[in-house]
């Protein structure tokens, strides 16, 4: 298990075809966790993708943050996470957005709002026990 928040620098950024595989366990008392694709270090960084499972609201929110302002929230269908259970999420960069794959099925497609080339870091935080974060 890795401590959260956990940040990984993406020295070469990401491009269409890049896959981020996040594995972990949802604690029994979990409220929310997030996976953010950040455009730079520091407070107030733009976020190209904010993937935010909210077990306390039984939803998964997708959004972006640009110049301190959140965009329009998008929500996936249902909540594919359960407290106390392991999970695996694939976030796949495509030409026009990010595909979130949970289990064996595509869960949601979030269209790019910020240029993919700006992404420099990935952060996992909140109520989650992170087992691994792999980028390939």
N, C-alpha and C. Protein backbone atom coordinates (compact mmCIF):
# COMPACT_ATOMS: atom_id res chain seq x y z
N UNK A 1 0.84 -1.19 0.00
CA UNK A 1 0.00 0.00 0.00
C UNK A 1 0.88 1.25 0.00
N UNK A 2 0.42 2.26 -0.70
CA UNK A 2 1.15 3.52 -0.78
C UNK A 2 0.36 4.59 -0.04
N UNK A 3 1.09 5.54 0.55
CA UNK A 3 0.44 6.64 1.24
C UNK A 3 -0.25 7.56 0.24
N UNK A 4 -1.36 8.13 0.65
CA UNK A 4 -2.05 9.13 -0.16
C UNK A 4 -2.11 10.43 0.63
N UNK A 5 -2.06 11.58 0.01
CA UNK A 5 -2.02 11.69 -1.45
C UNK A 5 -0.69 11.21 -2.02
N UNK A 6 -0.78 10.58 -3.18
CA UNK A 6 0.38 10.06 -3.89
C UNK A 6 0.47 10.80 -5.22
N UNK A 7 1.65 11.36 -5.51
CA UNK A 7 1.86 12.06 -6.78
C UNK A 7 2.97 11.39 -7.57
N UNK A 8 2.74 11.29 -8.87
CA UNK A 8 3.74 10.78 -9.79
C UNK A 8 3.93 11.79 -10.91
N UNK A 9 5.18 12.16 -11.16
CA UNK A 9 5.50 13.07 -12.25
C UNK A 9 5.49 12.31 -13.56
N UNK A 10 4.89 12.90 -14.56
CA UNK A 10 4.84 12.32 -15.91
C UNK A 10 5.82 13.12 -16.76
N UNK A 11 7.09 12.74 -16.69
CA UNK A 11 8.17 13.51 -17.34
C UNK A 11 7.88 13.80 -18.81
N UNK A 12 7.34 12.81 -19.49
CA UNK A 12 7.07 12.99 -20.92
C UNK A 12 5.60 13.27 -21.18
N UNK A 13 4.86 13.58 -20.13
CA UNK A 13 3.44 13.85 -20.28
C UNK A 13 2.69 12.60 -20.67
N UNK A 14 1.51 12.81 -21.24
CA UNK A 14 0.74 11.69 -21.76
C UNK A 14 0.28 12.04 -23.17
N UNK A 15 -0.06 11.01 -23.92
CA UNK A 15 -0.50 11.20 -25.30
C UNK A 15 -1.60 10.17 -25.57
N UNK A 16 -2.30 10.29 -26.69
CA UNK A 16 -3.30 9.28 -27.00
C UNK A 16 -2.68 7.88 -26.95
N UNK A 17 -3.35 6.98 -26.28
CA UNK A 17 -2.85 5.63 -26.10
C UNK A 17 -2.25 5.37 -24.73
N UNK A 18 -1.92 6.43 -23.99
CA UNK A 18 -1.40 6.26 -22.64
C UNK A 18 -2.50 5.69 -21.74
N UNK A 19 -2.12 4.71 -20.92
CA UNK A 19 -3.05 4.08 -19.99
C UNK A 19 -2.53 4.27 -18.57
N UNK A 20 -3.38 4.73 -17.69
CA UNK A 20 -3.08 4.78 -16.26
C UNK A 20 -3.91 3.70 -15.60
N UNK A 21 -3.25 2.78 -14.90
CA UNK A 21 -3.95 1.71 -14.20
C UNK A 21 -3.82 1.95 -12.70
N UNK A 22 -4.95 2.15 -12.04
CA UNK A 22 -4.98 2.43 -10.61
C UNK A 22 -5.64 1.24 -9.92
N UNK A 23 -4.92 0.66 -8.96
CA UNK A 23 -5.47 -0.45 -8.18
C UNK A 23 -5.44 -0.06 -6.71
N UNK A 24 -6.48 -0.44 -6.00
CA UNK A 24 -6.52 -0.13 -4.58
C UNK A 24 -7.68 -0.82 -3.90
N UNK A 25 -7.92 -0.38 -2.68
CA UNK A 25 -9.02 -0.89 -1.87
C UNK A 25 -9.76 0.31 -1.30
N UNK A 26 -11.07 0.23 -1.30
CA UNK A 26 -11.91 1.28 -0.72
C UNK A 26 -12.08 0.96 0.77
N UNK A 27 -11.60 1.83 1.68
CA UNK A 27 -11.80 1.57 3.11
C UNK A 27 -13.28 1.47 3.47
N UNK A 28 -13.57 0.76 4.55
CA UNK A 28 -14.96 0.54 4.98
C UNK A 28 -15.71 1.84 5.31
N UNK A 29 -15.00 2.86 5.75
CA UNK A 29 -15.64 4.13 6.11
C UNK A 29 -15.42 5.21 5.05
N UNK A 30 -15.05 4.82 3.84
CA UNK A 30 -14.69 5.79 2.79
C UNK A 30 -15.85 6.71 2.42
N UNK A 31 -15.49 7.97 2.17
CA UNK A 31 -16.45 8.94 1.65
C UNK A 31 -16.18 9.19 0.17
N UNK A 32 -14.95 9.69 -0.13
CA UNK A 32 -14.59 10.05 -1.49
C UNK A 32 -13.10 9.85 -1.72
N UNK A 33 -12.74 9.62 -2.97
CA UNK A 33 -11.34 9.69 -3.36
C UNK A 33 -11.25 10.30 -4.74
N UNK A 34 -10.03 10.61 -5.18
CA UNK A 34 -9.89 11.24 -6.48
C UNK A 34 -8.61 10.79 -7.19
N UNK A 35 -8.66 10.88 -8.50
CA UNK A 35 -7.48 10.77 -9.36
C UNK A 35 -7.50 12.03 -10.20
N UNK A 36 -6.45 12.84 -10.05
CA UNK A 36 -6.35 14.10 -10.79
C UNK A 36 -5.18 14.07 -11.75
N UNK A 37 -5.42 14.49 -12.98
CA UNK A 37 -4.34 14.69 -13.95
C UNK A 37 -4.06 16.18 -13.98
N UNK A 38 -2.93 16.55 -13.36
CA UNK A 38 -2.57 17.95 -13.14
C UNK A 38 -1.66 18.48 -14.23
N UNK A 39 -1.79 19.78 -14.50
CA UNK A 39 -0.98 20.42 -15.54
C UNK A 39 0.34 20.97 -15.03
N UNK A 40 0.49 21.12 -13.72
CA UNK A 40 1.75 21.59 -13.14
C UNK A 40 1.73 21.34 -11.64
N UNK A 41 2.88 21.57 -11.00
CA UNK A 41 2.99 21.48 -9.54
C UNK A 41 2.32 22.70 -8.91
N UNK A 42 2.07 22.61 -7.62
CA UNK A 42 1.67 23.79 -6.87
C UNK A 42 0.18 23.94 -6.69
N UNK A 43 -0.13 24.81 -5.77
CA UNK A 43 -1.51 25.12 -5.41
C UNK A 43 -2.22 25.77 -6.59
N UNK A 44 -3.45 25.39 -6.83
CA UNK A 44 -4.24 26.01 -7.88
C UNK A 44 -3.91 25.55 -9.28
N UNK A 45 -3.20 24.43 -9.41
CA UNK A 45 -2.85 23.93 -10.74
C UNK A 45 -4.12 23.55 -11.52
N UNK A 46 -4.08 23.78 -12.83
CA UNK A 46 -5.18 23.31 -13.68
C UNK A 46 -5.23 21.78 -13.62
N UNK A 47 -6.45 21.24 -13.70
CA UNK A 47 -6.67 19.80 -13.67
C UNK A 47 -7.37 19.41 -14.96
N UNK A 48 -6.68 18.64 -15.79
CA UNK A 48 -7.26 18.20 -17.07
C UNK A 48 -8.36 17.17 -16.85
N UNK A 49 -8.19 16.32 -15.83
CA UNK A 49 -9.21 15.33 -15.49
C UNK A 49 -9.26 15.16 -13.99
N UNK A 50 -10.45 15.34 -13.43
CA UNK A 50 -10.73 15.09 -12.01
C UNK A 50 -11.71 13.92 -11.99
N UNK A 51 -11.22 12.74 -11.60
CA UNK A 51 -12.03 11.53 -11.50
C UNK A 51 -12.32 11.35 -10.02
N UNK A 52 -13.59 11.45 -9.62
CA UNK A 52 -13.93 11.59 -8.22
C UNK A 52 -15.09 10.67 -7.79
N UNK A 53 -14.79 9.39 -7.46
CA UNK A 53 -15.83 8.53 -6.89
C UNK A 53 -16.28 9.08 -5.53
N UNK A 54 -17.58 9.24 -5.38
CA UNK A 54 -18.17 9.77 -4.15
C UNK A 54 -19.10 8.71 -3.58
N UNK A 55 -18.54 7.87 -2.72
CA UNK A 55 -19.35 6.81 -2.14
C UNK A 55 -20.42 7.39 -1.22
N UNK A 56 -20.16 8.56 -0.65
CA UNK A 56 -21.14 9.21 0.22
C UNK A 56 -22.34 9.74 -0.56
N UNK A 57 -22.22 9.84 -1.89
CA UNK A 57 -23.33 10.30 -2.74
C UNK A 57 -23.73 9.25 -3.78
N UNK A 58 -23.06 8.09 -3.77
CA UNK A 58 -23.32 7.00 -4.72
C UNK A 58 -23.21 7.47 -6.18
N UNK A 59 -22.12 8.20 -6.47
CA UNK A 59 -21.90 8.69 -7.83
C UNK A 59 -20.41 8.82 -8.11
N UNK A 60 -20.06 8.93 -9.37
CA UNK A 60 -18.69 9.23 -9.79
C UNK A 60 -18.74 10.49 -10.63
N UNK A 61 -17.98 11.50 -10.21
CA UNK A 61 -17.96 12.79 -10.89
C UNK A 61 -16.69 12.91 -11.73
N UNK A 62 -16.85 13.45 -12.93
CA UNK A 62 -15.74 13.79 -13.83
C UNK A 62 -15.80 15.29 -14.06
N UNK A 63 -14.63 15.95 -14.01
CA UNK A 63 -14.62 17.39 -14.21
C UNK A 63 -13.22 17.84 -14.58
N UNK A 64 -13.07 19.14 -14.79
CA UNK A 64 -11.77 19.76 -15.02
C UNK A 64 -11.76 21.10 -14.28
N UNK A 65 -10.55 21.56 -13.97
CA UNK A 65 -10.37 22.84 -13.28
C UNK A 65 -9.43 23.68 -14.13
N UNK A 66 -9.90 24.87 -14.54
CA UNK A 66 -9.08 25.75 -15.36
C UNK A 66 -9.11 27.16 -14.78
N UNK A 67 -7.93 27.67 -14.49
CA UNK A 67 -7.76 29.01 -13.92
C UNK A 67 -8.65 29.20 -12.70
N UNK A 68 -8.66 28.18 -11.83
CA UNK A 68 -9.39 28.27 -10.57
C UNK A 68 -10.88 28.02 -10.65
N UNK A 69 -11.40 27.73 -11.83
CA UNK A 69 -12.85 27.53 -11.99
C UNK A 69 -13.14 26.10 -12.45
N UNK A 70 -14.05 25.43 -11.74
CA UNK A 70 -14.47 24.10 -12.14
C UNK A 70 -15.39 24.20 -13.34
N UNK A 71 -15.29 23.22 -14.22
CA UNK A 71 -16.20 23.14 -15.37
C UNK A 71 -17.50 22.47 -14.98
N UNK A 72 -18.27 22.12 -15.99
CA UNK A 72 -19.55 21.43 -15.78
C UNK A 72 -19.28 19.99 -15.36
N UNK A 73 -19.85 19.56 -14.25
CA UNK A 73 -19.68 18.18 -13.79
C UNK A 73 -20.38 17.21 -14.74
N UNK A 74 -19.71 16.08 -14.96
CA UNK A 74 -20.33 14.96 -15.65
C UNK A 74 -20.36 13.81 -14.65
N UNK A 75 -21.38 12.99 -14.73
CA UNK A 75 -21.51 11.87 -13.80
C UNK A 75 -21.68 10.57 -14.57
N UNK A 76 -21.00 9.54 -14.06
CA UNK A 76 -21.15 8.22 -14.64
C UNK A 76 -22.44 7.58 -14.16
N UNK A 77 -22.79 6.45 -14.77
CA UNK A 77 -24.00 5.73 -14.40
C UNK A 77 -23.73 4.84 -13.20
N UNK A 78 -24.37 5.14 -12.08
CA UNK A 78 -24.23 4.30 -10.88
C UNK A 78 -22.86 4.43 -10.24
N UNK A 79 -22.62 3.64 -9.22
CA UNK A 79 -21.34 3.65 -8.50
C UNK A 79 -20.75 2.25 -8.55
N UNK A 80 -19.68 2.06 -9.33
CA UNK A 80 -19.11 0.72 -9.48
C UNK A 80 -18.08 0.36 -8.41
N UNK A 81 -18.09 1.07 -7.29
CA UNK A 81 -17.15 0.83 -6.18
C UNK A 81 -17.94 0.46 -4.94
N UNK A 82 -17.34 -0.40 -4.10
CA UNK A 82 -17.98 -0.77 -2.84
C UNK A 82 -16.98 -0.65 -1.72
N UNK A 83 -17.44 -0.10 -0.61
CA UNK A 83 -16.59 0.01 0.58
C UNK A 83 -16.09 -1.37 0.98
N UNK A 84 -14.80 -1.44 1.36
CA UNK A 84 -14.20 -2.67 1.80
C UNK A 84 -13.73 -3.58 0.66
N UNK A 85 -13.91 -3.16 -0.59
CA UNK A 85 -13.59 -4.01 -1.73
C UNK A 85 -12.43 -3.45 -2.55
N UNK A 86 -11.65 -4.34 -3.19
CA UNK A 86 -10.60 -3.89 -4.10
C UNK A 86 -11.21 -3.38 -5.40
N UNK A 87 -10.43 -2.60 -6.15
CA UNK A 87 -10.89 -2.08 -7.43
C UNK A 87 -9.71 -1.91 -8.37
N UNK A 88 -10.03 -1.83 -9.65
CA UNK A 88 -9.06 -1.47 -10.68
C UNK A 88 -9.75 -0.53 -11.65
N UNK A 89 -9.10 0.60 -11.93
CA UNK A 89 -9.60 1.58 -12.89
C UNK A 89 -8.53 1.78 -13.94
N UNK A 90 -8.94 1.80 -15.20
CA UNK A 90 -8.06 2.20 -16.29
C UNK A 90 -8.55 3.54 -16.81
N UNK A 91 -7.65 4.51 -16.86
CA UNK A 91 -7.94 5.79 -17.50
C UNK A 91 -7.11 5.81 -18.77
N UNK A 92 -7.77 5.81 -19.91
CA UNK A 92 -7.11 5.68 -21.20
C UNK A 92 -7.24 6.99 -21.96
N UNK A 93 -6.10 7.60 -22.30
CA UNK A 93 -6.11 8.84 -23.07
C UNK A 93 -6.39 8.51 -24.53
N UNK A 94 -7.35 9.22 -25.12
CA UNK A 94 -7.67 9.05 -26.54
C UNK A 94 -7.48 10.41 -27.22
N UNK A 95 -7.68 10.44 -28.51
CA UNK A 95 -7.54 11.69 -29.27
C UNK A 95 -8.50 12.76 -28.76
N UNK A 96 -9.70 12.34 -28.35
CA UNK A 96 -10.71 13.33 -27.99
C UNK A 96 -11.10 13.35 -26.52
N UNK A 97 -10.50 12.48 -25.70
CA UNK A 97 -10.88 12.48 -24.28
C UNK A 97 -10.20 11.39 -23.49
N UNK A 98 -10.82 11.07 -22.36
CA UNK A 98 -10.34 10.01 -21.48
C UNK A 98 -11.46 8.98 -21.33
N UNK A 99 -11.11 7.72 -21.54
CA UNK A 99 -12.05 6.63 -21.29
C UNK A 99 -11.75 6.08 -19.91
N UNK A 100 -12.78 5.97 -19.09
CA UNK A 100 -12.65 5.33 -17.79
C UNK A 100 -13.22 3.92 -17.93
N UNK A 101 -12.37 2.92 -17.67
CA UNK A 101 -12.79 1.52 -17.75
C UNK A 101 -12.71 0.95 -16.34
N UNK A 102 -13.82 0.40 -15.89
CA UNK A 102 -13.89 -0.18 -14.55
C UNK A 102 -14.41 -1.60 -14.72
N UNK A 103 -13.64 -2.55 -14.20
CA UNK A 103 -13.98 -3.94 -14.46
C UNK A 103 -13.68 -4.23 -15.92
N UNK A 104 -14.62 -4.83 -16.61
CA UNK A 104 -14.43 -5.18 -18.01
C UNK A 104 -15.15 -4.24 -18.97
N UNK A 105 -15.71 -3.16 -18.45
CA UNK A 105 -16.54 -2.32 -19.31
C UNK A 105 -16.16 -0.84 -19.24
N UNK A 106 -16.36 -0.16 -20.37
CA UNK A 106 -16.17 1.28 -20.37
C UNK A 106 -17.26 1.89 -19.51
N UNK A 107 -16.84 2.74 -18.58
CA UNK A 107 -17.78 3.35 -17.64
C UNK A 107 -18.22 4.73 -18.10
N UNK A 108 -17.27 5.53 -18.60
CA UNK A 108 -17.59 6.90 -19.01
C UNK A 108 -16.51 7.40 -19.95
N UNK A 109 -16.89 8.31 -20.85
CA UNK A 109 -15.93 8.97 -21.74
C UNK A 109 -16.02 10.47 -21.45
N UNK A 110 -14.90 11.04 -21.01
CA UNK A 110 -14.83 12.46 -20.66
C UNK A 110 -14.02 13.17 -21.73
N UNK A 111 -14.66 14.06 -22.49
CA UNK A 111 -13.98 14.78 -23.58
C UNK A 111 -12.98 15.79 -23.03
N UNK A 112 -11.85 15.91 -23.75
CA UNK A 112 -10.81 16.86 -23.33
C UNK A 112 -11.37 18.28 -23.27
N UNK A 113 -11.02 18.97 -22.21
CA UNK A 113 -11.32 20.40 -22.07
C UNK A 113 -10.03 21.20 -22.06
N UNK A 114 -8.93 20.56 -21.68
CA UNK A 114 -7.59 21.15 -21.68
C UNK A 114 -6.72 20.28 -22.56
N UNK A 115 -5.72 20.86 -23.21
CA UNK A 115 -4.85 20.06 -24.08
C UNK A 115 -4.16 18.93 -23.32
N UNK A 116 -4.21 17.75 -23.88
CA UNK A 116 -3.58 16.57 -23.30
C UNK A 116 -2.10 16.81 -23.04
N UNK A 117 -1.46 17.55 -23.92
CA UNK A 117 -0.01 17.81 -23.81
C UNK A 117 0.36 18.59 -22.55
N UNK A 118 -0.59 19.22 -21.90
CA UNK A 118 -0.29 20.00 -20.68
C UNK A 118 -0.17 19.15 -19.43
N UNK A 119 -0.67 17.92 -19.45
CA UNK A 119 -0.66 17.06 -18.26
C UNK A 119 0.77 16.69 -17.89
N UNK A 120 1.12 16.92 -16.60
CA UNK A 120 2.47 16.66 -16.11
C UNK A 120 2.54 15.80 -14.87
N UNK A 121 1.42 15.65 -14.15
CA UNK A 121 1.42 14.86 -12.91
C UNK A 121 0.10 14.13 -12.77
N UNK A 122 0.15 13.04 -12.02
CA UNK A 122 -1.07 12.36 -11.62
C UNK A 122 -1.06 12.28 -10.09
N UNK A 123 -2.20 12.57 -9.49
CA UNK A 123 -2.33 12.52 -8.03
C UNK A 123 -3.52 11.64 -7.67
N UNK A 124 -3.29 10.77 -6.69
CA UNK A 124 -4.36 9.94 -6.13
C UNK A 124 -4.47 10.33 -4.66
N UNK A 125 -5.68 10.66 -4.22
CA UNK A 125 -5.85 11.07 -2.84
C UNK A 125 -7.25 10.80 -2.33
N UNK A 126 -7.46 11.09 -1.06
CA UNK A 126 -8.76 10.90 -0.44
C UNK A 126 -8.84 9.59 0.31
N UNK A 127 -10.06 9.08 0.43
CA UNK A 127 -10.33 7.86 1.20
C UNK A 127 -10.08 6.62 0.34
N UNK A 128 -8.81 6.26 0.18
CA UNK A 128 -8.45 5.11 -0.63
C UNK A 128 -7.14 4.53 -0.13
N UNK A 129 -7.02 3.21 -0.23
CA UNK A 129 -5.74 2.55 0.02
C UNK A 129 -5.18 2.19 -1.34
N UNK A 130 -4.17 2.92 -1.77
CA UNK A 130 -3.58 2.75 -3.10
C UNK A 130 -2.62 1.58 -3.09
N UNK A 131 -2.87 0.60 -3.95
CA UNK A 131 -1.96 -0.54 -4.10
C UNK A 131 -0.93 -0.26 -5.17
N UNK A 132 -1.37 0.26 -6.31
CA UNK A 132 -0.43 0.56 -7.39
C UNK A 132 -0.99 1.57 -8.37
N UNK A 133 -0.08 2.30 -8.97
CA UNK A 133 -0.38 3.23 -10.05
C UNK A 133 0.65 2.95 -11.12
N UNK A 134 0.19 2.46 -12.26
CA UNK A 134 1.10 2.16 -13.36
C UNK A 134 0.69 2.98 -14.58
N UNK A 135 1.71 3.45 -15.30
CA UNK A 135 1.47 4.23 -16.51
C UNK A 135 2.19 3.52 -17.65
N UNK A 136 1.44 3.21 -18.70
CA UNK A 136 2.06 2.55 -19.86
C UNK A 136 1.34 2.95 -21.13
